[in-house]
C-alpha atoms as a PDB file:
ATOM      1  CA  UNK A   1     113.817  88.134 173.615  1.00  0.00           C
ATOM      2  CA  UNK A   2     111.187  85.433 172.667  1.00  0.00           C
ATOM      3  CA  UNK A   3     107.829  86.219 170.929  1.00  0.00           C
ATOM      4  CA  UNK A   4     105.865  85.610 174.127  1.00  0.00           C
ATOM      5  CA  UNK A   5     108.123  87.987 176.168  1.00  0.00           C
ATOM      6  CA  UNK A   6     107.615  90.594 173.485  1.00  0.00           C
ATOM      7  CA  UNK A   7     103.845  90.222 173.628  1.00  0.00           C
ATOM      8  CA  UNK A   8     103.824  90.566 177.464  1.00  0.00           C
ATOM      9  CA  UNK A   9     105.328  93.963 177.099  1.00  0.00           C
ATOM     10  CA  UNK A  10     101.955  95.292 175.841  1.00  0.00           C
ATOM     11  CA  UNK A  11      99.470  94.683 178.662  1.00  0.00           C
ATOM     12  CA  UNK A  12      95.807  95.691 178.662  1.00  0.00           C
ATOM     13  CA  UNK A  13      94.571  97.445 175.529  1.00  0.00           C
ATOM     14  CA  UNK A  14      98.038  98.139 174.308  1.00  0.00           C
ATOM     15  CA  UNK A  15      98.675  96.730 170.830  1.00  0.00           C
ATOM     16  CA  UNK A  16     102.054  95.218 169.721  1.00  0.00           C
ATOM     17  CA  UNK A  17     104.020  97.090 167.103  1.00  0.00           C
ATOM     18  CA  UNK A  18     104.129  96.028 163.528  1.00  0.00           C
ATOM     19  CA  UNK A  19     107.694  94.902 163.827  1.00  0.00           C
ATOM     20  CA  UNK A  20     106.827  92.525 166.617  1.00  0.00           C
ATOM     21  CA  UNK A  21     103.983  91.044 164.633  1.00  0.00           C
ATOM     22  CA  UNK A  22     106.202  90.402 161.619  1.00  0.00           C
ATOM     23  CA  UNK A  23     108.764  88.739 163.869  1.00  0.00           C
ATOM     24  CA  UNK A  24     106.095  86.460 165.460  1.00  0.00           C
ATOM     25  CA  UNK A  25     104.725  85.468 162.003  1.00  0.00           C
ATOM     26  CA  UNK A  26     108.254  84.595 160.702  1.00  0.00           C
ATOM     27  CA  UNK A  27     108.990  82.458 163.762  1.00  0.00           C
ATOM     28  CA  UNK A  28     105.618  80.710 163.402  1.00  0.00           C
ATOM     29  CA  UNK A  29     106.329  79.932 159.715  1.00  0.00           C
ATOM     30  CA  UNK A  30     109.744  78.419 160.526  1.00  0.00           C
ATOM     31  CA  UNK A  31     108.074  76.174 163.127  1.00  0.00           C
ATOM     32  CA  UNK A  32     105.435  74.980 160.647  1.00  0.00           C
ATOM     33  CA  UNK A  33     108.015  74.202 157.906  1.00  0.00           C
ATOM     34  CA  UNK A  34     110.157  72.363 160.433  1.00  0.00           C
ATOM     35  CA  UNK A  35     107.153  70.273 161.597  1.00  0.00           C
ATOM     36  CA  UNK A  36     106.278  69.063 158.034  1.00  0.00           C
ATOM     37  CA  UNK A  37     109.705  68.864 156.389  1.00  0.00           C
ATOM     38  CA  UNK A  38     112.264  67.941 158.983  1.00  0.00           C
ATOM     39  CA  UNK A  39     110.564  64.834 160.433  1.00  0.00           C
ATOM     40  CA  UNK A  40     109.854  63.365 156.988  1.00  0.00           C
ATOM     41  CA  UNK A  41     113.416  63.943 155.761  1.00  0.00           C
ATOM     42  CA  UNK A  42     114.760  62.467 158.944  1.00  0.00           C
ATOM     43  CA  UNK A  43     112.462  59.432 158.742  1.00  0.00           C
ATOM     44  CA  UNK A  44     113.413  58.754 155.049  1.00  0.00           C
ATOM     45  CA  UNK A  45     117.033  58.596 155.936  1.00  0.00           C
ATOM     46  CA  UNK A  46     116.873  56.528 159.146  1.00  0.00           C
ATOM     47  CA  UNK A  47     113.809  54.154 158.788  1.00  0.00           C
ATOM     48  CA  UNK A  48     113.924  50.467 157.723  1.00  0.00           C
ATOM     49  CA  UNK A  49     111.113  48.312 156.532  1.00  0.00           C
ATOM     50  CA  UNK A  50     110.564  44.757 155.240  1.00  0.00           C
ATOM     51  CA  UNK A  51     108.878  43.361 152.186  1.00  0.00           C
ATOM     52  CA  UNK A  52     108.231  39.903 150.870  1.00  0.00           C
ATOM     53  CA  UNK A  53     110.270  38.641 147.972  1.00  0.00           C
ATOM     54  CA  UNK A  54     111.222  35.593 145.880  1.00  0.00           C
ATOM     55  CA  UNK A  55     114.581  34.265 144.641  1.00  0.00           C
ATOM     56  CA  UNK A  56     114.979  34.473 140.847  1.00  0.00           C
ATOM     57  CA  UNK A  57     117.570  33.546 138.326  1.00  0.00           C
ATOM     58  CA  UNK A  58     119.583  36.042 136.275  1.00  0.00           C
ATOM     59  CA  UNK A  59     116.560  36.203 133.929  1.00  0.00           C
ATOM     60  CA  UNK A  60     112.990  35.010 134.002  1.00  0.00           C
ATOM     61  CA  UNK A  61     112.599  31.242 133.535  1.00  0.00           C
ATOM     62  CA  UNK A  62     112.318  30.212 129.834  1.00  0.00           C
ATOM     63  CA  UNK A  63     109.387  28.012 128.802  1.00  0.00           C
ATOM     64  CA  UNK A  64     110.897  25.632 126.282  1.00  0.00           C
ATOM     65  CA  UNK A  65     108.547  24.210 123.587  1.00  0.00           C
ATOM     66  CA  UNK A  66     108.512  22.783 120.079  1.00  0.00           C
ATOM     67  CA  UNK A  67     106.723  23.568 116.832  1.00  0.00           C
ATOM     68  CA  UNK A  68     106.712  19.844 115.823  1.00  0.00           C
ATOM     69  CA  UNK A  69     103.948  17.358 116.149  1.00  0.00           C
ATOM     70  CA  UNK A  70     104.856  13.895 117.362  1.00  0.00           C
ATOM     71  CA  UNK A  71     105.434  11.489 120.237  1.00  0.00           C
ATOM     72  CA  UNK A  72     108.078  12.057 122.858  1.00  0.00           C
ATOM     73  CA  UNK A  73     110.804   9.358 122.152  1.00  0.00           C
ATOM     74  CA  UNK A  74     113.539  10.463 124.532  1.00  0.00           C
ATOM     75  CA  UNK A  75     113.878  12.657 127.598  1.00  0.00           C
ATOM     76  CA  UNK A  76     117.545  13.495 127.950  1.00  0.00           C
ATOM     77  CA  UNK A  77     117.227  15.809 131.051  1.00  0.00           C
ATOM     78  CA  UNK A  78     115.417  15.850 134.324  1.00  0.00           C
ATOM     79  CA  UNK A  79     114.634  18.361 137.086  1.00  0.00           C
ATOM     80  CA  UNK A  80     117.908  20.107 138.189  1.00  0.00           C
ATOM     81  CA  UNK A  81     119.957  19.021 135.159  1.00  0.00           C
ATOM     82  CA  UNK A  82     122.628  21.455 134.060  1.00  0.00           C
ATOM     83  CA  UNK A  83     122.652  21.996 130.303  1.00  0.00           C
ATOM     84  CA  UNK A  84     124.761  23.846 127.823  1.00  0.00           C
ATOM     85  CA  UNK A  85     123.588  25.942 124.769  1.00  0.00           C
ATOM     86  CA  UNK A  86     122.721  23.666 121.924  1.00  0.00           C
ATOM     87  CA  UNK A  87     122.359  20.464 123.988  1.00  0.00           C
ATOM     88  CA  UNK A  88     119.475  18.251 122.991  1.00  0.00           C
ATOM     89  CA  UNK A  89     116.838  18.195 125.792  1.00  0.00           C
ATOM     90  CA  UNK A  90     113.960  16.211 124.263  1.00  0.00           C
ATOM     91  CA  UNK A  91     113.593  14.077 121.037  1.00  0.00           C
ATOM     92  CA  UNK A  92     110.340  13.418 119.198  1.00  0.00           C
ATOM     93  CA  UNK A  93     109.524  10.439 117.042  1.00  0.00           C
ATOM     94  CA  UNK A  94     109.356  12.044 113.568  1.00  0.00           C
ATOM     95  CA  UNK A  95     109.912   9.124 111.161  1.00  0.00           C
ATOM     96  CA  UNK A  96     107.506  10.507 108.489  1.00  0.00           C
ATOM     97  CA  UNK A  97     109.558  13.734 108.462  1.00  0.00           C
ATOM     98  CA  UNK A  98     112.796  11.726 108.184  1.00  0.00           C
ATOM     99  CA  UNK A  99     111.387   9.900 105.151  1.00  0.00           C
ATOM    100  CA  UNK A 100     110.327  13.098 103.574  1.00  0.00           C
ATOM    101  CA  UNK A 101     113.808  14.510 104.269  1.00  0.00           C
ATOM    102  CA  UNK A 102     115.398  11.601 102.362  1.00  0.00           C
ATOM    103  CA  UNK A 103     113.006  12.130  99.441  1.00  0.00           C
ATOM    104  CA  UNK A 104     113.866  15.845  99.287  1.00  0.00           C
ATOM    105  CA  UNK A 105     117.603  15.095  99.379  1.00  0.00           C
ATOM    106  CA  UNK A 106     117.198  12.696  96.427  1.00  0.00           C
ATOM    107  CA  UNK A 107     115.253  15.238  94.484  1.00  0.00           C
ATOM    108  CA  UNK A 108     117.898  17.883  95.187  1.00  0.00           C
ATOM    109  CA  UNK A 109     120.615  15.547  93.955  1.00  0.00           C
ATOM    110  CA  UNK A 110     118.724  14.909  90.709  1.00  0.00           C
ATOM    111  CA  UNK A 111     118.155  18.620  90.151  1.00  0.00           C
ATOM    112  CA  UNK A 112     121.791  19.370  90.917  1.00  0.00           C
ATOM    113  CA  UNK A 113     122.940  16.789  88.356  1.00  0.00           C
ATOM    114  CA  UNK A 114     120.621  18.262  85.695  1.00  0.00           C
ATOM    115  CA  UNK A 115     121.933  21.742  86.375  1.00  0.00           C
ATOM    116  CA  UNK A 116     125.565  20.590  86.170  1.00  0.00           C
ATOM    117  CA  UNK A 117     124.836  18.931  82.822  1.00  0.00           C
ATOM    118  CA  UNK A 118     123.229  21.967  81.466  1.00  0.00           C
ATOM    119  CA  UNK A 119     125.907  24.323  82.703  1.00  0.00           C
ATOM    120  CA  UNK A 120     128.713  22.267  81.484  1.00  0.00           C
ATOM    121  CA  UNK A 121     127.300  21.663  78.069  1.00  0.00           C
ATOM    122  CA  UNK A 122     128.285  18.777  75.720  1.00  0.00           C
ATOM    123  CA  UNK A 123     131.161  16.545  76.622  1.00  0.00           C
ATOM    124  CA  UNK A 124     134.267  16.501  74.472  1.00  0.00           C
ATOM    125  CA  UNK A 125     133.312  12.989  73.362  1.00  0.00           C
ATOM    126  CA  UNK A 126     130.015  14.336  72.055  1.00  0.00           C
ATOM    127  CA  UNK A 127     131.736  17.011  70.084  1.00  0.00           C
ATOM    128  CA  UNK A 128     134.072  14.353  68.657  1.00  0.00           C
ATOM    129  CA  UNK A 129     131.055  12.403  67.450  1.00  0.00           C
ATOM    130  CA  UNK A 130     129.620  15.508  65.800  1.00  0.00           C
ATOM    131  CA  UNK A 131     132.925  16.141  63.957  1.00  0.00           C
ATOM    132  CA  UNK A 132     132.936  12.510  62.718  1.00  0.00           C
ATOM    133  CA  UNK A 133     129.392  12.876  61.382  1.00  0.00           C
ATOM    134  CA  UNK A 134     130.382  16.100  59.576  1.00  0.00           C
ATOM    135  CA  UNK A 135     133.403  14.288  57.987  1.00  0.00           C
ATOM    136  CA  UNK A 136     131.205  11.332  56.937  1.00  0.00           C
ATOM    137  CA  UNK A 137     128.628  13.625  55.456  1.00  0.00           C
ATOM    138  CA  UNK A 138     131.201  15.687  53.631  1.00  0.00           C
ATOM    139  CA  UNK A 139     132.632  12.528  52.040  1.00  0.00           C
ATOM    140  CA  UNK A 140     129.273  11.449  50.846  1.00  0.00           C
ATOM    141  CA  UNK A 141     128.526  14.851  49.497  1.00  0.00           C
ATOM    142  CA  UNK A 142     131.826  14.971  47.559  1.00  0.00           C
ATOM    143  CA  UNK A 143     131.178  11.560  46.207  1.00  0.00           C
ATOM    144  CA  UNK A 144     127.719  12.551  45.037  1.00  0.00           C
ATOM    145  CA  UNK A 145     128.996  15.718  43.419  1.00  0.00           C
ATOM    146  CA  UNK A 146     131.592  13.728  41.420  1.00  0.00           C
ATOM    147  CA  UNK A 147     128.962  11.201  40.297  1.00  0.00           C
ATOM    148  CA  UNK A 148     126.822  14.104  39.150  1.00  0.00           C
ATOM    149  CA  UNK A 149     129.712  15.630  37.150  1.00  0.00           C
ATOM    150  CA  UNK A 150     130.433  12.306  35.506  1.00  0.00           C
ATOM    151  CA  UNK A 151     126.804  11.788  34.623  1.00  0.00           C
ATOM    152  CA  UNK A 152     126.391  15.326  33.154  1.00  0.00           C
ATOM    153  CA  UNK A 153     129.466  14.632  30.940  1.00  0.00           C
ATOM    154  CA  UNK A 154     127.662  11.784  29.254  1.00  0.00           C
ATOM    155  CA  UNK A 155     125.325  12.351  26.310  1.00  0.00           C
ATOM    156  CA  UNK A 156     121.770  12.142  27.486  1.00  0.00           C
ATOM    157  CA  UNK A 157     119.684   9.640  25.507  1.00  0.00           C
ATOM    158  CA  UNK A 158     122.780   7.872  24.105  1.00  0.00           C
ATOM    159  CA  UNK A 159     125.025   6.709  26.977  1.00  0.00           C
ATOM    160  CA  UNK A 160     122.737   7.652  29.900  1.00  0.00           C
ATOM    161  CA  UNK A 161     119.090   7.968  30.420  1.00  0.00           C
ATOM    162  CA  UNK A 162     117.219  11.014  31.632  1.00  0.00           C
ATOM    163  CA  UNK A 163     116.019   9.143  34.703  1.00  0.00           C
ATOM    164  CA  UNK A 164     119.530   8.380  35.725  1.00  0.00           C
ATOM    165  CA  UNK A 165     120.518  12.040  35.439  1.00  0.00           C
ATOM    166  CA  UNK A 166     117.656  13.075  37.700  1.00  0.00           C
ATOM    167  CA  UNK A 167     118.541  10.364  40.238  1.00  0.00           C
ATOM    168  CA  UNK A 168     122.131  11.471  40.483  1.00  0.00           C
ATOM    169  CA  UNK A 169     121.147  15.128  40.827  1.00  0.00           C
ATOM    170  CA  UNK A 170     118.816  14.126  43.701  1.00  0.00           C
ATOM    171  CA  UNK A 171     121.560  12.197  45.545  1.00  0.00           C
ATOM    172  CA  UNK A 172     123.816  15.166  45.180  1.00  0.00           C
ATOM    173  CA  UNK A 173     121.288  17.594  46.702  1.00  0.00           C
ATOM    174  CA  UNK A 174     120.528  15.154  49.601  1.00  0.00           C
ATOM    175  CA  UNK A 175     124.157  14.591  50.588  1.00  0.00           C
ATOM    176  CA  UNK A 176     124.840  18.365  50.420  1.00  0.00           C
ATOM    177  CA  UNK A 177     121.893  19.022  52.713  1.00  0.00           C
ATOM    178  CA  UNK A 178     123.017  16.284  55.124  1.00  0.00           C
ATOM    179  CA  UNK A 179     126.432  17.899  55.337  1.00  0.00           C
ATOM    180  CA  UNK A 180     124.962  21.228  56.205  1.00  0.00           C
ATOM    181  CA  UNK A 181     122.840  19.580  58.873  1.00  0.00           C
ATOM    182  CA  UNK A 182     125.868  17.863  60.388  1.00  0.00           C
ATOM    183  CA  UNK A 183     127.837  21.109  60.396  1.00  0.00           C
ATOM    184  CA  UNK A 184     125.024  22.903  62.138  1.00  0.00           C
ATOM    185  CA  UNK A 185     124.709  20.265  64.809  1.00  0.00           C
ATOM    186  CA  UNK A 186     128.440  20.477  65.460  1.00  0.00           C
ATOM    187  CA  UNK A 187     128.169  24.198  65.786  1.00  0.00           C
ATOM    188  CA  UNK A 188     125.491  23.781  68.376  1.00  0.00           C
ATOM    189  CA  UNK A 189     127.565  21.290  70.347  1.00  0.00           C
ATOM    190  CA  UNK A 190     130.525  23.702  70.371  1.00  0.00           C
ATOM    191  CA  UNK A 191     128.324  26.702  71.446  1.00  0.00           C
ATOM    192  CA  UNK A 192     127.239  24.829  74.569  1.00  0.00           C
ATOM    193  CA  UNK A 193     123.920  25.112  76.437  1.00  0.00           C
ATOM    194  CA  UNK A 194     121.542  28.004  75.962  1.00  0.00           C
ATOM    195  CA  UNK A 195     121.512  30.650  78.705  1.00  0.00           C
ATOM    196  CA  UNK A 196     117.775  30.090  79.163  1.00  0.00           C
ATOM    197  CA  UNK A 197     118.232  26.421  79.785  1.00  0.00           C
ATOM    198  CA  UNK A 198     120.962  27.107  82.300  1.00  0.00           C
ATOM    199  CA  UNK A 199     118.798  29.576  84.289  1.00  0.00           C
ATOM    200  CA  UNK A 200     115.843  27.141  84.207  1.00  0.00           C
ATOM    201  CA  UNK A 201     118.005  24.331  85.513  1.00  0.00           C
ATOM    202  CA  UNK A 202     119.363  26.514  88.219  1.00  0.00           C
ATOM    203  CA  UNK A 203     115.916  27.591  89.290  1.00  0.00           C
ATOM    204  CA  UNK A 204     114.818  23.890  89.575  1.00  0.00           C
ATOM    205  CA  UNK A 205     117.943  23.201  91.587  1.00  0.00           C
ATOM    206  CA  UNK A 206     117.271  26.117  93.937  1.00  0.00           C
ATOM    207  CA  UNK A 207     113.617  25.054  94.396  1.00  0.00           C
ATOM    208  CA  UNK A 208     114.691  21.533  95.298  1.00  0.00           C
ATOM    209  CA  UNK A 209     117.210  22.860  97.791  1.00  0.00           C
ATOM    210  CA  UNK A 210     114.568  25.034  99.457  1.00  0.00           C
ATOM    211  CA  UNK A 211     112.264  22.020  99.797  1.00  0.00           C
ATOM    212  CA  UNK A 212     115.138  20.113 101.318  1.00  0.00           C
ATOM    213  CA  UNK A 213     115.849  22.890 103.762  1.00  0.00           C
ATOM    214  CA  UNK A 214     112.240  23.125 104.820  1.00  0.00           C
ATOM    215  CA  UNK A 215     112.127  19.387 105.461  1.00  0.00           C
ATOM    216  CA  UNK A 216     115.402  19.728 107.390  1.00  0.00           C
ATOM    217  CA  UNK A 217     113.947  22.508 109.474  1.00  0.00           C
ATOM    218  CA  UNK A 218     110.980  20.408 110.356  1.00  0.00           C
ATOM    219  CA  UNK A 219     113.151  17.514 111.257  1.00  0.00           C
ATOM    220  CA  UNK A 220     115.376  19.776 113.371  1.00  0.00           C
ATOM    221  CA  UNK A 221     112.318  20.762 115.438  1.00  0.00           C
ATOM    222  CA  UNK A 222     111.975  17.159 116.527  1.00  0.00           C
ATOM    223  CA  UNK A 223     115.141  17.676 118.623  1.00  0.00           C
ATOM    224  CA  UNK A 224     114.517  20.301 121.236  1.00  0.00           C
ATOM    225  CA  UNK A 225     117.769  22.025 122.215  1.00  0.00           C
ATOM    226  CA  UNK A 226     118.750  24.348 125.039  1.00  0.00           C
ATOM    227  CA  UNK A 227     118.961  28.017 123.937  1.00  0.00           C
ATOM    228  CA  UNK A 228     121.403  29.033 126.659  1.00  0.00           C
ATOM    229  CA  UNK A 229     123.511  27.556 129.417  1.00  0.00           C
ATOM    230  CA  UNK A 230     121.400  26.990 132.479  1.00  0.00           C
ATOM    231  CA  UNK A 231     119.568  24.603 134.846  1.00  0.00           C
ATOM    232  CA  UNK A 232     116.315  22.711 134.088  1.00  0.00           C
ATOM    233  CA  UNK A 233     113.735  23.749 136.681  1.00  0.00           C
ATOM    234  CA  UNK A 234     111.104  21.151 135.868  1.00  0.00           C
ATOM    235  CA  UNK A 235     110.163  18.717 133.040  1.00  0.00           C
ATOM    236  CA  UNK A 236     106.471  18.850 132.149  1.00  0.00           C
ATOM    237  CA  UNK A 237     106.217  15.974 129.592  1.00  0.00           C
ATOM    238  CA  UNK A 238     106.774  12.227 129.748  1.00  0.00           C
ATOM    239  CA  UNK A 239     108.182   9.628 127.354  1.00  0.00           C
ATOM    240  CA  UNK A 240     105.513   8.450 124.950  1.00  0.00           C
ATOM    241  CA  UNK A 241     103.401  11.611 125.340  1.00  0.00           C
ATOM    242  CA  UNK A 242     101.862  12.911 122.152  1.00  0.00           C
ATOM    243  CA  UNK A 243     102.390  16.609 121.372  1.00  0.00           C
ATOM    244  CA  UNK A 244     100.394  18.621 118.916  1.00  0.00           C
ATOM    245  CA  UNK A 245     100.391  22.168 117.655  1.00  0.00           C
ATOM    246  CA  UNK A 246      96.564  22.207 118.171  1.00  0.00           C
ATOM    247  CA  UNK A 247      97.199  22.075 121.921  1.00  0.00           C
ATOM    248  CA  UNK A 248     100.581  23.875 122.463  1.00  0.00           C
ATOM    249  CA  UNK A 249     102.295  23.320 125.818  1.00  0.00           C
ATOM    250  CA  UNK A 250     105.834  23.853 127.298  1.00  0.00           C
ATOM    251  CA  UNK A 251     108.030  20.806 127.559  1.00  0.00           C
ATOM    252  CA  UNK A 252     110.173  22.111 130.400  1.00  0.00           C
ATOM    253  CA  UNK A 253     111.336  25.314 132.208  1.00  0.00           C
ATOM    254  CA  UNK A 254     114.888  26.432 132.042  1.00  0.00           C
ATOM    255  CA  UNK A 255     116.643  29.231 133.900  1.00  0.00           C
ATOM    256  CA  UNK A 256     119.827  30.810 132.398  1.00  0.00           C
ATOM    257  CA  UNK A 257     123.093  30.784 134.314  1.00  0.00           C
ATOM    258  CA  UNK A 258     124.011  34.003 136.066  1.00  0.00           C
ATOM    259  CA  UNK A 259     123.996  35.697 139.428  1.00  0.00           C
ATOM    260  CA  UNK A 260     120.781  35.224 141.338  1.00  0.00           C
ATOM    261  CA  UNK A 261     118.538  38.129 142.176  1.00  0.00           C
ATOM    262  CA  UNK A 262     115.471  38.903 144.327  1.00  0.00           C
ATOM    263  CA  UNK A 263     112.176  40.295 143.269  1.00  0.00           C
ATOM    264  CA  UNK A 264     110.551  42.102 146.189  1.00  0.00           C
ATOM    265  CA  UNK A 265     107.053  43.539 146.373  1.00  0.00           C
ATOM    266  CA  UNK A 266     107.198  46.896 148.117  1.00  0.00           C
ATOM    267  CA  UNK A 267     103.940  48.453 149.393  1.00  0.00           C
ATOM    268  CA  UNK A 268     103.038  51.803 147.943  1.00  0.00           C
ATOM    269  CA  UNK A 269     103.341  53.526 151.249  1.00  0.00           C
ATOM    270  CA  UNK A 270     106.983  52.368 151.532  1.00  0.00           C
ATOM    271  CA  UNK A 271     107.951  53.445 148.044  1.00  0.00           C
ATOM    272  CA  UNK A 272     109.305  56.758 149.259  1.00  0.00           C
ATOM    273  CA  UNK A 273     111.965  54.819 151.261  1.00  0.00           C
ATOM    274  CA  UNK A 274     113.366  52.903 148.294  1.00  0.00           C
ATOM    275  CA  UNK A 275     116.261  54.097 146.105  1.00  0.00           C
ATOM    276  CA  UNK A 276     118.688  52.569 143.731  1.00  0.00           C
ATOM    277  CA  UNK A 277     121.950  51.181 145.254  1.00  0.00           C
ATOM    278  CA  UNK A 278     120.081  50.792 148.518  1.00  0.00           C
ATOM    279  CA  UNK A 279     121.439  48.012 150.737  1.00  0.00           C
ATOM    280  CA  UNK A 280     119.142  45.217 151.936  1.00  0.00           C
ATOM    281  CA  UNK A 281     119.283  41.999 153.965  1.00  0.00           C
ATOM    282  CA  UNK A 282     117.534  38.938 152.579  1.00  0.00           C
ATOM    283  CA  UNK A 283     116.489  36.021 154.868  1.00  0.00           C
ATOM    284  CA  UNK A 284     114.464  32.823 154.519  1.00  0.00           C
ATOM    285  CA  UNK A 285     112.438  31.158 157.232  1.00  0.00           C
ATOM    286  CA  UNK A 286     113.444  27.691 156.022  1.00  0.00           C
ATOM    287  CA  UNK A 287     117.151  28.557 156.474  1.00  0.00           C
ATOM    288  CA  UNK A 288     117.663  31.092 159.269  1.00  0.00           C
ATOM    289  CA  UNK A 289     121.516  30.949 158.797  1.00  0.00           C
ATOM    290  CA  UNK A 290     121.354  31.823 155.106  1.00  0.00           C
ATOM    291  CA  UNK A 291     121.447  35.632 155.282  1.00  0.00           C
ATOM    292  CA  UNK A 292     122.095  37.388 151.961  1.00  0.00           C
ATOM    293  CA  UNK A 293     123.265  40.907 151.356  1.00  0.00           C
ATOM    294  CA  UNK A 294     121.841  42.608 148.308  1.00  0.00           C
ATOM    295  CA  UNK A 295     121.487  46.053 146.652  1.00  0.00           C
ATOM    296  CA  UNK A 296     118.509  47.567 144.768  1.00  0.00           C
ATOM    297  CA  UNK A 297     119.197  47.379 141.055  1.00  0.00           C
ATOM    298  CA  UNK A 298     115.819  48.508 139.559  1.00  0.00           C
ATOM    299  CA  UNK A 299     112.487  49.871 140.657  1.00  0.00           C
ATOM    300  CA  UNK A 300     109.425  48.933 138.701  1.00  0.00           C
ATOM    301  CA  UNK A 301     107.630  51.798 136.909  1.00  0.00           C
ATOM    302  CA  UNK A 302     104.126  50.526 137.647  1.00  0.00           C
ATOM    303  CA  UNK A 303     102.182  49.026 140.488  1.00  0.00           C
ATOM    304  CA  UNK A 304     100.919  45.465 140.167  1.00  0.00           C
ATOM    305  CA  UNK A 305      98.579  43.287 142.224  1.00  0.00           C
ATOM    306  CA  UNK A 306     100.412  41.462 144.967  1.00  0.00           C
ATOM    307  CA  UNK A 307     101.450  37.920 144.202  1.00  0.00           C
ATOM    308  CA  UNK A 308     103.374  37.305 147.450  1.00  0.00           C
ATOM    309  CA  UNK A 309     101.952  37.314 150.958  1.00  0.00           C
ATOM    310  CA  UNK A 310     103.504  39.732 153.354  1.00  0.00           C
ATOM    311  CA  UNK A 311     103.942  37.911 156.634  1.00  0.00           C
ATOM    312  CA  UNK A 312     105.043  40.900 158.660  1.00  0.00           C
ATOM    313  CA  UNK A 313     102.735  43.542 157.212  1.00  0.00           C
ATOM    314  CA  UNK A 314      99.061  44.149 156.978  1.00  0.00           C
ATOM    315  CA  UNK A 315      97.316  43.794 153.667  1.00  0.00           C
ATOM    316  CA  UNK A 316      95.966  47.291 153.425  1.00  0.00           C
ATOM    317  CA  UNK A 317      97.800  47.815 150.162  1.00  0.00           C
ATOM    318  CA  UNK A 318      96.635  45.339 147.515  1.00  0.00           C
ATOM    319  CA  UNK A 319      99.054  46.739 144.961  1.00  0.00           C
ATOM    320  CA  UNK A 320     102.808  46.791 145.238  1.00  0.00           C
ATOM    321  CA  UNK A 321     105.845  48.002 143.195  1.00  0.00           C
ATOM    322  CA  UNK A 322     108.274  45.363 142.029  1.00  0.00           C
ATOM    323  CA  UNK A 323     111.860  46.005 143.129  1.00  0.00           C
ATOM    324  CA  UNK A 324     114.778  44.011 141.783  1.00  0.00           C
ATOM    325  CA  UNK A 325     117.744  43.434 144.020  1.00  0.00           C
ATOM    326  CA  UNK A 326     121.129  41.847 143.009  1.00  0.00           C
ATOM    327  CA  UNK A 327     122.810  39.446 145.453  1.00  0.00           C
ATOM    328  CA  UNK A 328     126.430  39.414 146.364  1.00  0.00           C
ATOM    329  CA  UNK A 329     128.503  36.852 144.496  1.00  0.00           C
ATOM    330  CA  UNK A 330     129.802  35.117 147.672  1.00  0.00           C
ATOM    331  CA  UNK A 331     126.419  34.772 149.231  1.00  0.00           C
ATOM    332  CA  UNK A 332     125.161  31.248 150.133  1.00  0.00           C
ATOM    333  CA  UNK A 333     122.936  29.723 147.491  1.00  0.00           C
ATOM    334  CA  UNK A 334     119.185  29.634 147.932  1.00  0.00           C
ATOM    335  CA  UNK A 335     116.849  27.707 145.639  1.00  0.00           C
ATOM    336  CA  UNK A 336     115.151  29.581 142.819  1.00  0.00           C
ATOM    337  CA  UNK A 337     111.593  30.357 143.612  1.00  0.00           C
ATOM    338  CA  UNK A 338     112.092  30.403 147.372  1.00  0.00           C
ATOM    339  CA  UNK A 339     110.085  32.951 149.319  1.00  0.00           C
ATOM    340  CA  UNK A 340     112.208  35.384 151.395  1.00  0.00           C
ATOM    341  CA  UNK A 341     111.813  38.515 153.451  1.00  0.00           C
ATOM    342  CA  UNK A 342     113.803  41.594 152.411  1.00  0.00           C
ATOM    343  CA  UNK A 343     114.780  44.207 155.094  1.00  0.00           C
ATOM    344  CA  UNK A 344     115.597  47.466 153.387  1.00  0.00           C
ATOM    345  CA  UNK A 345     118.302  49.587 155.009  1.00  0.00           C
ATOM    346  CA  UNK A 346     118.061  53.406 154.909  1.00  0.00           C
ATOM    347  CA  UNK A 347     118.811  55.023 151.587  1.00  0.00           C
ATOM    348  CA  UNK A 348     122.442  56.239 151.399  1.00  0.00           C
ATOM    349  CA  UNK A 349     122.974  59.854 152.180  1.00  0.00           C
ATOM    350  CA  UNK A 350     122.875  62.247 149.168  1.00  0.00           C
ATOM    351  CA  UNK A 351     125.527  64.531 150.693  1.00  0.00           C
END
């Protein structure tokens, strides 16, 4: 028995029973819920829509620059060149830095030699010379001492004068002092360099090495190298162009190797129909036969102003959500930066 049949059982002033009213209210509630929920759920699982997009590399394009100031002397790549990590792309004329580099290397060599001399101490030949001086001094001291003994054995005022005695005593003292000096010098030679002198020489050597490394780093900046394997998108400088840190500018753009991807701009009203792992078909007007199959890899967390024009949709939504899609490996190649249209298939069922 339907609700309307139940109500017709109470003609005129007869009022329906409380049970009938409750049944009618329950049925009406089910109808209202089905109107608002069922169509939306059904639409989200079966609808498709399109959004504009652009072909990108595996990562955003890299703007390659330099921290050196100089004139471009060599351009070793051009648009579309494939490069490997570490390959030289652009060379600058940095002859003043090269001269400074040679000066720093010479200073380091001198500091290293001074450090080695201080650390190694006296050579064996120098110690041998010190030993010879000690022997010579000792011989003179012994001779002076014997002369003094002979002089003191004589009778002063009879066989020797007082002046001669004083002279012999002086010679004995001088030769004895020279012997002690020679022995002390030999002891210093055998002890080697002082620890403080070694540390000072080492510090001077390290400072010279740091200055050399700084000059080498400046010279290295004159050769711009590729940070990763990839393809040169465009070269923005020419041979003979002067580059300065006062006006920094990129030399070229490089995109790293890797699978291509698509960046689509989905209108806010279509965001409810996007989910991860969702399939999509990518097509380009300039190549109707190049149809790519892709899947949603990431959905942007924030809305951004549109940067791509939607050819098949109105522009009521000025903001859009970026959606990144990965392309199948065996898909035909499309140029990076090409504008495409992305047709999103229904989200996969959650059951």
